[in-house]
Amino acid sequence: MMEINISKDFSKTPGGRFKNEGDFSGEEFREKFLRKRYLEAKSNNEKIKIILDGCFGYPSSFIDESFGGLARDLNDNKIFSDFVFISDEQPGLIEDIKKCIKGK
Protein backbone atom coordinates (compact mmCIF):
# COMPACT_ATOMS: atom_id res chain seq x y z
CA MET A 1 0.00 0.00 0.00
CA MET A 2 1.34 3.39 -0.96
CA GLU A 3 1.46 5.97 1.84
CA ILE A 4 1.47 9.74 2.18
CA ASN A 5 2.13 11.21 5.60
CA ILE A 6 1.08 14.82 5.12
CA SER A 7 3.03 16.22 8.08
CA LYS A 8 6.26 14.48 7.04
CA ASP A 9 5.97 14.44 3.24
CA PHE A 10 4.37 17.85 2.72
CA SER A 11 3.95 20.19 5.70
CA LYS A 12 2.92 20.34 9.35
CA THR A 13 1.05 23.56 8.47
CA PRO A 14 -1.26 22.97 5.50
CA GLY A 15 -2.36 26.26 3.98
CA GLY A 16 -5.32 27.55 2.03
CA ARG A 17 -6.92 26.50 -1.22
CA PHE A 18 -4.70 27.95 -3.96
CA LYS A 19 -0.96 28.38 -4.48
CA ASN A 20 -1.36 32.13 -4.95
CA GLU A 21 -2.76 32.33 -1.39
CA GLY A 22 0.47 31.14 0.21
CA ASP A 23 2.66 28.15 0.91
CA PHE A 24 1.49 24.56 1.32
CA SER A 25 -1.88 25.01 -0.36
CA GLY A 26 -4.35 22.27 -1.17
CA GLU A 27 -3.74 22.93 -4.85
CA GLU A 28 0.02 22.41 -4.40
CA PHE A 29 -0.51 19.22 -2.38
CA ARG A 30 -2.90 17.81 -5.00
CA GLU A 31 -0.62 18.69 -7.92
CA LYS A 32 2.74 17.68 -6.39
CA PHE A 33 1.78 14.68 -4.27
CA LEU A 34 -1.76 13.42 -4.27
CA ARG A 35 -2.70 13.14 -7.94
CA LYS A 36 0.54 11.46 -9.06
CA ARG A 37 0.61 8.97 -6.20
CA TYR A 38 -3.11 8.27 -6.46
CA LEU A 39 -2.83 7.44 -10.17
CA GLU A 40 0.22 5.28 -9.51
CA ALA A 41 -1.51 3.36 -6.72
CA LYS A 42 -4.64 2.97 -8.86
CA SER A 43 -2.62 1.58 -11.78
CA ASN A 44 -1.07 -0.98 -9.40
CA ASN A 45 -4.51 -1.85 -8.01
CA GLU A 46 -3.46 -0.60 -4.57
CA LYS A 47 -5.08 1.64 -2.03
CA ILE A 48 -3.27 4.71 -0.82
CA LYS A 49 -2.90 5.39 2.90
CA ILE A 50 -3.14 9.04 3.93
CA ILE A 51 -1.85 9.84 7.41
CA LEU A 52 -3.43 13.07 8.57
CA ASP A 53 -1.93 13.18 12.09
CA GLY A 54 0.97 15.43 13.00
CA CYS A 55 -0.29 18.66 11.44
CA PHE A 56 -1.39 21.79 13.27
CA GLY A 57 -4.87 21.58 11.77
CA TYR A 58 -6.41 21.61 8.31
CA PRO A 59 -8.24 24.52 6.75
CA SER A 60 -11.44 23.30 5.11
CA SER A 61 -10.29 24.94 1.87
CA PHE A 62 -7.13 22.78 1.91
CA ILE A 63 -9.20 19.60 2.36
CA ASP A 64 -11.66 20.54 -0.36
CA GLU A 65 -9.01 21.58 -2.88
CA SER A 66 -6.85 18.51 -2.22
CA PHE A 67 -9.36 15.68 -2.08
CA GLY A 68 -12.47 17.27 -3.55
CA GLY A 69 -10.26 18.77 -6.26
CA LEU A 70 -8.87 15.34 -7.11
CA ALA A 71 -12.39 13.93 -7.44
CA ARG A 72 -13.36 16.87 -9.67
CA ASP A 73 -10.18 16.52 -11.78
CA LEU A 74 -10.86 12.84 -12.33
CA ASN A 75 -14.62 13.35 -12.63
CA ASP A 76 -15.05 10.54 -10.10
CA ASN A 77 -16.77 11.15 -6.78
CA LYS A 78 -16.31 7.50 -5.75
CA ILE A 79 -12.56 7.68 -5.10
CA PHE A 80 -13.00 7.73 -1.30
CA SER A 81 -12.87 3.92 -1.23
CA ASP A 82 -9.43 4.01 -2.89
CA PHE A 83 -7.96 5.60 0.24
CA VAL A 84 -7.28 4.50 3.80
CA PHE A 85 -7.33 7.61 5.98
CA ILE A 86 -5.62 7.62 9.37
CA SER A 87 -6.56 10.38 11.81
CA ASP A 88 -6.34 9.60 15.51
CA GLU A 89 -5.97 13.30 16.39
CA GLN A 90 -8.99 14.56 14.40
CA PRO A 91 -11.19 11.60 13.46
CA GLY A 92 -13.99 13.90 12.21
CA LEU A 93 -11.64 15.06 9.47
CA ILE A 94 -12.19 11.80 7.59
CA GLU A 95 -15.92 12.51 7.28
CA ASP A 96 -15.11 16.03 6.07
CA ILE A 97 -12.88 14.57 3.36
CA LYS A 98 -15.58 12.11 2.36
CA LYS A 99 -18.09 14.96 1.95
CA CYS A 100 -15.63 16.94 -0.19
CA ILE A 101 -14.99 13.96 -2.45
CA LYS A 102 -18.66 13.19 -2.85
CA GLY A 103 -19.46 16.85 -3.46
CA LYS A 104 -21.86 17.21 -0.54
PDB file of N, CA and C in Angstrom:
ATOM      1  N   MET A   1       0.847  -1.176   0.000  1.00  0.00           N
ATOM      2  CA  MET A   1       0.000   0.000   0.000  1.00  0.00           C
ATOM      3  C   MET A   1       0.891   1.236   0.000  1.00  0.00           C
ATOM      4  N   MET A   2       0.608   2.130  -0.906  1.00  0.00           N
ATOM      5  CA  MET A   2       1.338   3.387  -0.960  1.00  0.00           C
ATOM      6  C   MET A   2       0.890   4.266   0.206  1.00  0.00           C
ATOM      7  N   GLU A   3       1.775   5.156   0.665  1.00  0.00           N
ATOM      8  CA  GLU A   3       1.463   5.968   1.838  1.00  0.00           C
ATOM      9  C   GLU A   3       1.920   7.402   1.637  1.00  0.00           C
ATOM     10  N   ILE A   4       1.086   8.333   2.082  1.00  0.00           N
ATOM     11  CA  ILE A   4       1.466   9.740   2.176  1.00  0.00           C
ATOM     12  C   ILE A   4       1.208  10.172   3.611  1.00  0.00           C
ATOM     13  N   ASN A   5       2.248  10.635   4.263  1.00  0.00           N
ATOM     14  CA  ASN A   5       2.134  11.208   5.600  1.00  0.00           C
ATOM     15  C   ASN A   5       2.238  12.718   5.398  1.00  0.00           C
ATOM     16  N   ILE A   6       1.114  13.403   5.479  1.00  0.00           N
ATOM     17  CA  ILE A   6       1.082  14.818   5.116  1.00  0.00           C
ATOM     18  C   ILE A   6       2.059  15.638   5.934  1.00  0.00           C
ATOM     19  N   SER A   7       2.147  15.410   7.240  1.00  0.00           N
ATOM     20  CA  SER A   7       3.035  16.223   8.082  1.00  0.00           C
ATOM     21  C   SER A   7       4.509  15.989   7.765  1.00  0.00           C
ATOM     22  N   LYS A   8       4.858  14.796   7.342  1.00  0.00           N
ATOM     23  CA  LYS A   8       6.257  14.482   7.037  1.00  0.00           C
ATOM     24  C   LYS A   8       6.605  14.701   5.567  1.00  0.00           C
ATOM     25  N   ASP A   9       5.686  14.366   4.681  1.00  0.00           N
ATOM     26  CA  ASP A   9       5.974  14.440   3.239  1.00  0.00           C
ATOM     27  C   ASP A   9       5.654  15.803   2.634  1.00  0.00           C
ATOM     28  N   PHE A  10       4.805  16.576   3.303  1.00  0.00           N
ATOM     29  CA  PHE A  10       4.374  17.851   2.719  1.00  0.00           C
ATOM     30  C   PHE A  10       4.588  19.017   3.685  1.00  0.00           C
ATOM     31  N   SER A  11       3.812  19.092   4.746  1.00  0.00           N
ATOM     32  CA  SER A  11       3.948  20.195   5.700  1.00  0.00           C
ATOM     33  C   SER A  11       3.156  19.913   6.970  1.00  0.00           C
ATOM     34  N   LYS A  12       3.662  20.404   8.081  1.00  0.00           N
ATOM     35  CA  LYS A  12       2.920  20.344   9.348  1.00  0.00           C
ATOM     36  C   LYS A  12       1.877  21.462   9.415  1.00  0.00           C
ATOM     37  N   THR A  13       1.961  22.411   8.481  1.00  0.00           N
ATOM     38  CA  THR A  13       1.055  23.555   8.469  1.00  0.00           C
ATOM     39  C   THR A  13       0.389  23.710   7.104  1.00  0.00           C
ATOM     40  N   PRO A  14      -0.562  22.835   6.776  1.00  0.00           N
ATOM     41  CA  PRO A  14      -1.258  22.974   5.497  1.00  0.00           C
ATOM     42  C   PRO A  14      -1.911  24.352   5.393  1.00  0.00           C
ATOM     43  N   GLY A  15      -1.859  24.903   4.191  1.00  0.00           N
ATOM     44  CA  GLY A  15      -2.357  26.262   3.981  1.00  0.00           C
ATOM     45  C   GLY A  15      -3.761  26.307   3.408  1.00  0.00           C
ATOM     46  N   GLY A  16      -4.010  27.324   2.612  1.00  0.00           N
ATOM     47  CA  GLY A  16      -5.324  27.546   2.032  1.00  0.00           C
ATOM     48  C   GLY A  16      -5.562  26.736   0.772  1.00  0.00           C
ATOM     49  N   ARG A  17      -6.484  27.221  -0.027  1.00  0.00           N
ATOM     50  CA  ARG A  17      -6.921  26.498  -1.219  1.00  0.00           C
ATOM     51  C   ARG A  17      -5.901  26.560  -2.359  1.00  0.00           C
ATOM     52  N   PHE A  18      -5.484  27.766  -2.736  1.00  0.00           N
ATOM     53  CA  PHE A  18      -4.700  27.947  -3.956  1.00  0.00           C
ATOM     54  C   PHE A  18      -3.256  28.355  -3.677  1.00  0.00           C
ATOM     55  N   LYS A  19      -2.381  28.038  -4.616  1.00  0.00           N
ATOM     56  CA  LYS A  19      -0.964  28.377  -4.480  1.00  0.00           C
ATOM     57  C   LYS A  19      -0.746  29.875  -4.342  1.00  0.00           C
ATOM     58  N   ASN A  20      -1.559  30.674  -5.017  1.00  0.00           N
ATOM     59  CA  ASN A  20      -1.363  32.126  -4.949  1.00  0.00           C
ATOM     60  C   ASN A  20      -1.801  32.713  -3.603  1.00  0.00           C
ATOM     61  N   GLU A  21      -2.361  31.882  -2.722  1.00  0.00           N
ATOM     62  CA  GLU A  21      -2.759  32.329  -1.389  1.00  0.00           C
ATOM     63  C   GLU A  21      -1.678  32.070  -0.339  1.00  0.00           C
ATOM     64  N   GLY A  22      -0.605  31.396  -0.735  1.00  0.00           N
ATOM     65  CA  GLY A  22       0.474  31.141   0.207  1.00  0.00           C
ATOM     66  C   GLY A  22       1.020  29.735   0.083  1.00  0.00           C
ATOM     67  N   ASP A  23       1.967  29.437   0.940  1.00  0.00           N
ATOM     68  CA  ASP A  23       2.661  28.148   0.909  1.00  0.00           C
ATOM     69  C   ASP A  23       1.769  27.012   1.377  1.00  0.00           C
ATOM     70  N   PHE A  24       2.096  25.830   0.887  1.00  0.00           N
ATOM     71  CA  PHE A  24       1.494  24.564   1.323  1.00  0.00           C
ATOM     72  C   PHE A  24      -0.027  24.515   1.118  1.00  0.00           C
ATOM     73  N   SER A  25      -0.451  24.974  -0.038  1.00  0.00           N
ATOM     74  CA  SER A  25      -1.883  25.010  -0.356  1.00  0.00           C
ATOM     75  C   SER A  25      -2.401  23.628  -0.739  1.00  0.00           C
ATOM     76  N   GLY A  26      -3.705  23.496  -0.710  1.00  0.00           N
ATOM     77  CA  GLY A  26      -4.348  22.271  -1.165  1.00  0.00           C
ATOM     78  C   GLY A  26      -4.070  22.004  -2.638  1.00  0.00           C
ATOM     79  N   GLU A  27      -4.043  23.060  -3.424  1.00  0.00           N
ATOM     80  CA  GLU A  27      -3.736  22.933  -4.849  1.00  0.00           C
ATOM     81  C   GLU A  27      -2.326  22.363  -5.047  1.00  0.00           C
ATOM     82  N   GLU A  28      -1.360  22.893  -4.307  1.00  0.00           N
ATOM     83  CA  GLU A  28       0.017  22.411  -4.397  1.00  0.00           C
ATOM     84  C   GLU A  28       0.114  20.946  -3.968  1.00  0.00           C
ATOM     85  N   PHE A  29      -0.537  20.598  -2.866  1.00  0.00           N
ATOM     86  CA  PHE A  29      -0.509  19.218  -2.382  1.00  0.00           C
ATOM     87  C   PHE A  29      -1.100  18.276  -3.428  1.00  0.00           C
ATOM     88  N   ARG A  30      -2.254  18.651  -3.993  1.00  0.00           N
ATOM     89  CA  ARG A  30      -2.902  17.806  -5.002  1.00  0.00           C
ATOM     90  C   ARG A  30      -2.013  17.642  -6.223  1.00  0.00           C
ATOM     91  N   GLU A  31      -1.435  18.736  -6.698  1.00  0.00           N
ATOM     92  CA  GLU A  31      -0.622  18.689  -7.917  1.00  0.00           C
ATOM     93  C   GLU A  31       0.716  17.982  -7.716  1.00  0.00           C
ATOM     94  N   LYS A  32       1.389  18.227  -6.600  1.00  0.00           N
ATOM     95  CA  LYS A  32       2.736  17.683  -6.391  1.00  0.00           C
ATOM     96  C   LYS A  32       2.758  16.286  -5.780  1.00  0.00           C
ATOM     97  N   PHE A  33       1.750  15.946  -4.994  1.00  0.00           N
ATOM     98  CA  PHE A  33       1.782  14.678  -4.273  1.00  0.00           C
ATOM     99  C   PHE A  33       0.591  13.780  -4.588  1.00  0.00           C
ATOM    100  N   LEU A  34      -0.586  14.276  -4.296  1.00  0.00           N
ATOM    101  CA  LEU A  34      -1.762  13.420  -4.267  1.00  0.00           C
ATOM    102  C   LEU A  34      -2.122  12.818  -5.620  1.00  0.00           C
ATOM    103  N   ARG A  35      -2.247  13.632  -6.633  1.00  0.00           N
ATOM    104  CA  ARG A  35      -2.695  13.138  -7.945  1.00  0.00           C
ATOM    105  C   ARG A  35      -1.745  12.080  -8.503  1.00  0.00           C
ATOM    106  N   LYS A  36      -0.458  12.385  -8.514  1.00  0.00           N
ATOM    107  CA  LYS A  36       0.543  11.460  -9.061  1.00  0.00           C
ATOM    108  C   LYS A  36       0.537  10.132  -8.310  1.00  0.00           C
ATOM    109  N   ARG A  37       0.566  10.200  -7.002  1.00  0.00           N
ATOM    110  CA  ARG A  37       0.612   8.973  -6.201  1.00  0.00           C
ATOM    111  C   ARG A  37      -0.699   8.208  -6.264  1.00  0.00           C
ATOM    112  N   TYR A  38      -1.809   8.941  -6.327  1.00  0.00           N
ATOM    113  CA  TYR A  38      -3.105   8.274  -6.457  1.00  0.00           C
ATOM    114  C   TYR A  38      -3.165   7.486  -7.769  1.00  0.00           C
ATOM    115  N   LEU A  39      -2.781   8.107  -8.864  1.00  0.00           N
ATOM    116  CA  LEU A  39      -2.831   7.437 -10.166  1.00  0.00           C
ATOM    117  C   LEU A  39      -1.884   6.244 -10.211  1.00  0.00           C
ATOM    118  N   GLU A  40      -0.724   6.389  -9.583  1.00  0.00           N
ATOM    119  CA  GLU A  40       0.223   5.280  -9.514  1.00  0.00           C
ATOM    120  C   GLU A  40      -0.351   4.111  -8.713  1.00  0.00           C
ATOM    121  N   ALA A  41      -0.913   4.404  -7.554  1.00  0.00           N
ATOM    122  CA  ALA A  41      -1.515   3.355  -6.721  1.00  0.00           C
ATOM    123  C   ALA A  41      -2.671   2.690  -7.467  1.00  0.00           C
ATOM    124  N   LYS A  42      -3.484   3.492  -8.122  1.00  0.00           N
ATOM    125  CA  LYS A  42      -4.638   2.967  -8.857  1.00  0.00           C
ATOM    126  C   LYS A  42      -4.176   2.038  -9.987  1.00  0.00           C
ATOM    127  N   SER A  43      -3.113   2.417 -10.684  1.00  0.00           N
ATOM    128  CA  SER A  43      -2.615   1.578 -11.783  1.00  0.00           C
ATOM    129  C   SER A  43      -2.029   0.266 -11.271  1.00  0.00           C
ATOM    130  N   ASN A  44      -1.599   0.242 -10.013  1.00  0.00           N
ATOM    131  CA  ASN A  44      -1.071  -0.980  -9.400  1.00  0.00           C
ATOM    132  C   ASN A  44      -2.139  -1.721  -8.598  1.00  0.00           C
ATOM    133  N   ASN A  45      -3.381  -1.241  -8.723  1.00  0.00           N
ATOM    134  CA  ASN A  45      -4.509  -1.854  -8.012  1.00  0.00           C
ATOM    135  C   ASN A  45      -4.285  -1.866  -6.498  1.00  0.00           C
ATOM    136  N   GLU A  46      -3.724  -0.757  -5.999  1.00  0.00           N
ATOM    137  CA  GLU A  46      -3.460  -0.599  -4.571  1.00  0.00           C
ATOM    138  C   GLU A  46      -4.322   0.524  -4.013  1.00  0.00           C
ATOM    139  N   LYS A  47      -4.493   0.501  -2.717  1.00  0.00           N
ATOM    140  CA  LYS A  47      -5.079   1.644  -2.027  1.00  0.00           C
ATOM    141  C   LYS A  47      -3.934   2.562  -1.621  1.00  0.00           C
ATOM    142  N   ILE A  48      -4.278   3.771  -1.277  1.00  0.00           N
ATOM    143  CA  ILE A  48      -3.267   4.708  -0.820  1.00  0.00           C
ATOM    144  C   ILE A  48      -3.626   5.174   0.586  1.00  0.00           C
ATOM    145  N   LYS A  49      -2.694   5.004   1.501  1.00  0.00           N
ATOM    146  CA  LYS A  49      -2.900   5.391   2.901  1.00  0.00           C
ATOM    147  C   LYS A  49      -2.500   6.853   3.063  1.00  0.00           C
ATOM    148  N   ILE A  50      -3.402   7.634   3.647  1.00  0.00           N
ATOM    149  CA  ILE A  50      -3.142   9.039   3.927  1.00  0.00           C
ATOM    150  C   ILE A  50      -3.131   9.221   5.439  1.00  0.00           C
ATOM    151  N   ILE A  51      -1.978   9.587   5.974  1.00  0.00           N
ATOM    152  CA  ILE A  51      -1.846   9.842   7.411  1.00  0.00           C
ATOM    153  C   ILE A  51      -2.020  11.341   7.634  1.00  0.00           C
ATOM    154  N   LEU A  52      -3.079  11.677   8.341  1.00  0.00           N
ATOM    155  CA  LEU A  52      -3.435  13.071   8.572  1.00  0.00           C
ATOM    156  C   LEU A  52      -2.861  13.619   9.870  1.00  0.00           C
ATOM    157  N   ASP A  53      -2.446  12.757  10.780  1.00  0.00           N
ATOM    158  CA  ASP A  53      -1.931  13.180  12.088  1.00  0.00           C
ATOM    159  C   ASP A  53      -0.590  13.895  11.957  1.00  0.00           C
ATOM    160  N   GLY A  54      -0.313  14.748  12.939  1.00  0.00           N
ATOM    161  CA  GLY A  54       0.974  15.431  13.000  1.00  0.00           C
ATOM    162  C   GLY A  54       0.950  16.856  12.484  1.00  0.00           C
ATOM    163  N   CYS A  55      -0.167  17.289  11.921  1.00  0.00           N
ATOM    164  CA  CYS A  55      -0.292  18.662  11.435  1.00  0.00           C
ATOM    165  C   CYS A  55      -0.947  19.535  12.506  1.00  0.00           C
ATOM    166  N   PHE A  56      -0.805  20.829  12.331  1.00  0.00           N
ATOM    167  CA  PHE A  56      -1.390  21.788  13.268  1.00  0.00           C
ATOM    168  C   PHE A  56      -2.800  22.193  12.855  1.00  0.00           C
ATOM    169  N   GLY A  57      -3.511  21.307  12.215  1.00  0.00           N
ATOM    170  CA  GLY A  57      -4.867  21.579  11.768  1.00  0.00           C
ATOM    171  C   GLY A  57      -4.946  21.666  10.258  1.00  0.00           C
ATOM    172  N   TYR A  58      -6.159  21.583   9.756  1.00  0.00           N
ATOM    173  CA  TYR A  58      -6.407  21.611   8.314  1.00  0.00           C
ATOM    174  C   TYR A  58      -7.498  22.613   7.994  1.00  0.00           C
ATOM    175  N   PRO A  59      -7.185  23.637   7.227  1.00  0.00           N
ATOM    176  CA  PRO A  59      -8.243  24.515   6.752  1.00  0.00           C
ATOM    177  C   PRO A  59      -9.199  23.724   5.847  1.00  0.00           C
ATOM    178  N   SER A  60     -10.476  24.018   5.947  1.00  0.00           N
ATOM    179  CA  SER A  60     -11.444  23.303   5.111  1.00  0.00           C
ATOM    180  C   SER A  60     -11.152  23.519   3.627  1.00  0.00           C
ATOM    181  N   SER A  61     -10.613  24.673   3.281  1.00  0.00           N
ATOM    182  CA  SER A  61     -10.285  24.940   1.872  1.00  0.00           C
ATOM    183  C   SER A  61      -9.157  24.024   1.391  1.00  0.00           C
ATOM    184  N   PHE A  62      -8.207  23.708   2.271  1.00  0.00           N
ATOM    185  CA  PHE A  62      -7.135  22.779   1.914  1.00  0.00           C
ATOM    186  C   PHE A  62      -7.709  21.391   1.628  1.00  0.00           C
ATOM    187  N   ILE A  63      -8.582  20.927   2.510  1.00  0.00           N
ATOM    188  CA  ILE A  63      -9.197  19.601   2.362  1.00  0.00           C
ATOM    189  C   ILE A  63     -10.006  19.535   1.072  1.00  0.00           C
ATOM    190  N   ASP A  64     -10.826  20.559   0.838  1.00  0.00           N
ATOM    191  CA  ASP A  64     -11.660  20.542  -0.361  1.00  0.00           C
ATOM    192  C   ASP A  64     -10.828  20.596  -1.627  1.00  0.00           C
ATOM    193  N   GLU A  65      -9.817  21.450  -1.657  1.00  0.00           N
ATOM    194  CA  GLU A  65      -9.014  21.577  -2.876  1.00  0.00           C
ATOM    195  C   GLU A  65      -8.159  20.341  -3.117  1.00  0.00           C
ATOM    196  N   SER A  66      -7.675  19.717  -2.062  1.00  0.00           N
ATOM    197  CA  SER A  66      -6.853  18.511  -2.216  1.00  0.00           C
ATOM    198  C   SER A  66      -7.685  17.326  -2.672  1.00  0.00           C
ATOM    199  N   PHE A  67      -8.622  16.918  -1.842  1.00  0.00           N
ATOM    200  CA  PHE A  67      -9.357  15.676  -2.079  1.00  0.00           C
ATOM    201  C   PHE A  67     -10.592  15.892  -2.958  1.00  0.00           C
ATOM    202  N   GLY A  68     -11.342  16.935  -2.680  1.00  0.00           N
ATOM    203  CA  GLY A  68     -12.465  17.267  -3.552  1.00  0.00           C
ATOM    204  C   GLY A  68     -11.972  17.648  -4.936  1.00  0.00           C
ATOM    205  N   GLY A  69     -10.865  18.376  -4.980  1.00  0.00           N
ATOM    206  CA  GLY A  69     -10.260  18.766  -6.259  1.00  0.00           C
ATOM    207  C   GLY A  69      -9.819  17.566  -7.075  1.00  0.00           C
ATOM    208  N   LEU A  70      -9.276  16.560  -6.401  1.00  0.00           N
ATOM    209  CA  LEU A  70      -8.875  15.336  -7.108  1.00  0.00           C
ATOM    210  C   LEU A  70     -10.096  14.642  -7.708  1.00  0.00           C
ATOM    211  N   ALA A  71     -11.162  14.546  -6.932  1.00  0.00           N
ATOM    212  CA  ALA A  71     -12.392  13.930  -7.436  1.00  0.00           C
ATOM    213  C   ALA A  71     -12.941  14.716  -8.628  1.00  0.00           C
ATOM    214  N   ARG A  72     -12.885  16.038  -8.548  1.00  0.00           N
ATOM    215  CA  ARG A  72     -13.358  16.865  -9.666  1.00  0.00           C
ATOM    216  C   ARG A  72     -12.452  16.711 -10.879  1.00  0.00           C
ATOM    217  N   ASP A  73     -11.132  16.701 -10.665  1.00  0.00           N
ATOM    218  CA  ASP A  73     -10.178  16.520 -11.775  1.00  0.00           C
ATOM    219  C   ASP A  73     -10.428  15.217 -12.517  1.00  0.00           C
ATOM    220  N   LEU A  74     -10.675  14.168 -11.746  1.00  0.00           N
ATOM    221  CA  LEU A  74     -10.858  12.836 -12.330  1.00  0.00           C
ATOM    222  C   LEU A  74     -12.311  12.558 -12.710  1.00  0.00           C
ATOM    223  N   ASN A  75     -13.180  13.514 -12.390  1.00  0.00           N
ATOM    224  CA  ASN A  75     -14.620  13.349 -12.633  1.00  0.00           C
ATOM    225  C   ASN A  75     -15.124  12.036 -12.033  1.00  0.00           C
ATOM    226  N   ASP A  76     -14.716  11.794 -10.773  1.00  0.00           N
ATOM    227  CA  ASP A  76     -15.054  10.544 -10.095  1.00  0.00           C
ATOM    228  C   ASP A  76     -15.262  10.817  -8.613  1.00  0.00           C
ATOM    229  N   ASN A  77     -16.514  10.877  -8.190  1.00  0.00           N
ATOM    230  CA  ASN A  77     -16.775  11.151  -6.781  1.00  0.00           C
ATOM    231  C   ASN A  77     -16.854   9.874  -5.949  1.00  0.00           C
ATOM    232  N   LYS A  78     -16.326   8.773  -6.487  1.00  0.00           N
ATOM    233  CA  LYS A  78     -16.310   7.502  -5.748  1.00  0.00           C
ATOM    234  C   LYS A  78     -14.899   7.095  -5.340  1.00  0.00           C
ATOM    235  N   ILE A  79     -13.953   8.022  -5.394  1.00  0.00           N
ATOM    236  CA  ILE A  79     -12.555   7.679  -5.100  1.00  0.00           C
ATOM    237  C   ILE A  79     -12.282   7.478  -3.618  1.00  0.00           C
ATOM    238  N   PHE A  80     -13.222   7.859  -2.743  1.00  0.00           N
ATOM    239  CA  PHE A  80     -12.996   7.726  -1.301  1.00  0.00           C
ATOM    240  C   PHE A  80     -12.584   6.306  -0.932  1.00  0.00           C
ATOM    241  N   SER A  81     -13.174   5.319  -1.563  1.00  0.00           N
ATOM    242  CA  SER A  81     -12.873   3.920  -1.234  1.00  0.00           C
ATOM    243  C   SER A  81     -11.473   3.495  -1.677  1.00  0.00           C
ATOM    244  N   ASP A  82     -10.799   4.323  -2.459  1.00  0.00           N
ATOM    245  CA  ASP A  82      -9.433   4.010  -2.892  1.00  0.00           C
ATOM    246  C   ASP A  82      -8.388   4.440  -1.867  1.00  0.00           C
ATOM    247  N   PHE A  83      -8.855   5.098  -0.809  1.00  0.00           N
ATOM    248  CA  PHE A  83      -7.963   5.603   0.239  1.00  0.00           C
ATOM    249  C   PHE A  83      -8.204   4.878   1.559  1.00  0.00           C
ATOM    250  N   VAL A  84      -7.166   4.878   2.389  1.00  0.00           N
ATOM    251  CA  VAL A  84      -7.284   4.505   3.799  1.00  0.00           C
ATOM    252  C   VAL A  84      -6.779   5.726   4.560  1.00  0.00           C
ATOM    253  N   PHE A  85      -7.683   6.401   5.240  1.00  0.00           N
ATOM    254  CA  PHE A  85      -7.327   7.606   5.978  1.00  0.00           C
ATOM    255  C   PHE A  85      -7.066   7.254   7.438  1.00  0.00           C
ATOM    256  N   ILE A  86      -5.985   7.810   7.974  1.00  0.00           N
ATOM    257  CA  ILE A  86      -5.617   7.623   9.367  1.00  0.00           C
ATOM    258  C   ILE A  86      -5.645   8.995  10.041  1.00  0.00           C
ATOM    259  N   SER A  87      -6.494   9.129  11.069  1.00  0.00           N
ATOM    260  CA  SER A  87      -6.557  10.379  11.815  1.00  0.00           C
ATOM    261  C   SER A  87      -6.998  10.085  13.247  1.00  0.00           C
ATOM    262  N   ASP A  88      -6.041   9.806  14.097  1.00  0.00           N
ATOM    263  CA  ASP A  88      -6.339   9.601  15.515  1.00  0.00           C
ATOM    264  C   ASP A  88      -6.565  10.938  16.218  1.00  0.00           C
ATOM    265  N   GLU A  89      -5.894  11.983  15.748  1.00  0.00           N
ATOM    266  CA  GLU A  89      -5.971  13.297  16.385  1.00  0.00           C
ATOM    267  C   GLU A  89      -7.273  14.042  16.060  1.00  0.00           C
ATOM    268  N   GLN A  90      -7.762  13.886  14.841  1.00  0.00           N
ATOM    269  CA  GLN A  90      -8.987  14.564  14.405  1.00  0.00           C
ATOM    270  C   GLN A  90      -9.846  13.595  13.587  1.00  0.00           C
ATOM    271  N   PRO A  91     -10.454  12.612  14.221  1.00  0.00           N
ATOM    272  CA  PRO A  91     -11.190  11.600  13.460  1.00  0.00           C
ATOM    273  C   PRO A  91     -12.325  12.161  12.603  1.00  0.00           C
ATOM    274  N   GLY A  92     -12.915  13.284  12.999  1.00  0.00           N
ATOM    275  CA  GLY A  92     -13.986  13.896  12.211  1.00  0.00           C
ATOM    276  C   GLY A  92     -13.520  14.407  10.855  1.00  0.00           C
ATOM    277  N   LEU A  93     -12.220  14.588  10.725  1.00  0.00           N
ATOM    278  CA  LEU A  93     -11.641  15.059   9.469  1.00  0.00           C
ATOM    279  C   LEU A  93     -11.915  14.088   8.320  1.00  0.00           C
ATOM    280  N   ILE A  94     -11.964  12.816   8.633  1.00  0.00           N
ATOM    281  CA  ILE A  94     -12.195  11.802   7.592  1.00  0.00           C
ATOM    282  C   ILE A  94     -13.586  11.979   6.986  1.00  0.00           C
ATOM    283  N   GLU A  95     -14.567  12.256   7.800  1.00  0.00           N
ATOM    284  CA  GLU A  95     -15.922  12.506   7.284  1.00  0.00           C
ATOM    285  C   GLU A  95     -15.957  13.781   6.443  1.00  0.00           C
ATOM    286  N   ASP A  96     -15.195  14.804   6.860  1.00  0.00           N
ATOM    287  CA  ASP A  96     -15.110  16.034   6.069  1.00  0.00           C
ATOM    288  C   ASP A  96     -14.528  15.751   4.687  1.00  0.00           C
ATOM    289  N   ILE A  97     -13.499  14.925   4.640  1.00  0.00           N
ATOM    290  CA  ILE A  97     -12.879  14.568   3.357  1.00  0.00           C
ATOM    291  C   ILE A  97     -13.879  13.803   2.490  1.00  0.00           C
ATOM    292  N   LYS A  98     -14.591  12.898   3.102  1.00  0.00           N
ATOM    293  CA  LYS A  98     -15.583  12.106   2.356  1.00  0.00           C
ATOM    294  C   LYS A  98     -16.633  13.022   1.718  1.00  0.00           C
ATOM    295  N   LYS A  99     -17.101  14.011   2.476  1.00  0.00           N
ATOM    296  CA  LYS A  99     -18.086  14.955   1.950  1.00  0.00           C
ATOM    297  C   LYS A  99     -17.520  15.762   0.791  1.00  0.00           C
ATOM    298  N   CYS A 100     -16.266  16.171   0.900  1.00  0.00           N
ATOM    299  CA  CYS A 100     -15.629  16.940  -0.186  1.00  0.00           C
ATOM    300  C   CYS A 100     -15.512  16.100  -1.454  1.00  0.00           C
ATOM    301  N   ILE A 101     -15.134  14.851  -1.296  1.00  0.00           N
ATOM    302  CA  ILE A 101     -14.986  13.960  -2.448  1.00  0.00           C
ATOM    303  C   ILE A 101     -16.331  13.713  -3.110  1.00  0.00           C
ATOM    304  N   LYS A 102     -17.333  13.511  -2.312  1.00  0.00           N
ATOM    305  CA  LYS A 102     -18.664  13.189  -2.851  1.00  0.00           C
ATOM    306  C   LYS A 102     -19.406  14.440  -3.314  1.00  0.00           C
ATOM    307  N   GLY A 103     -18.844  15.615  -3.022  1.00  0.00           N
ATOM    308  CA  GLY A 103     -19.464  16.853  -3.462  1.00  0.00           C
ATOM    309  C   GLY A 103     -20.686  17.244  -2.669  1.00  0.00           C
ATOM    310  N   LYS A 104     -20.692  16.898  -1.383  1.00  0.00           N
ATOM    311  CA  LYS A 104     -21.863  17.211  -0.536  1.00  0.00           C
ATOM    312  C   LYS A 104     -21.472  18.126   0.590  1.00  0.00           C
TER     313      LYS A 104
END
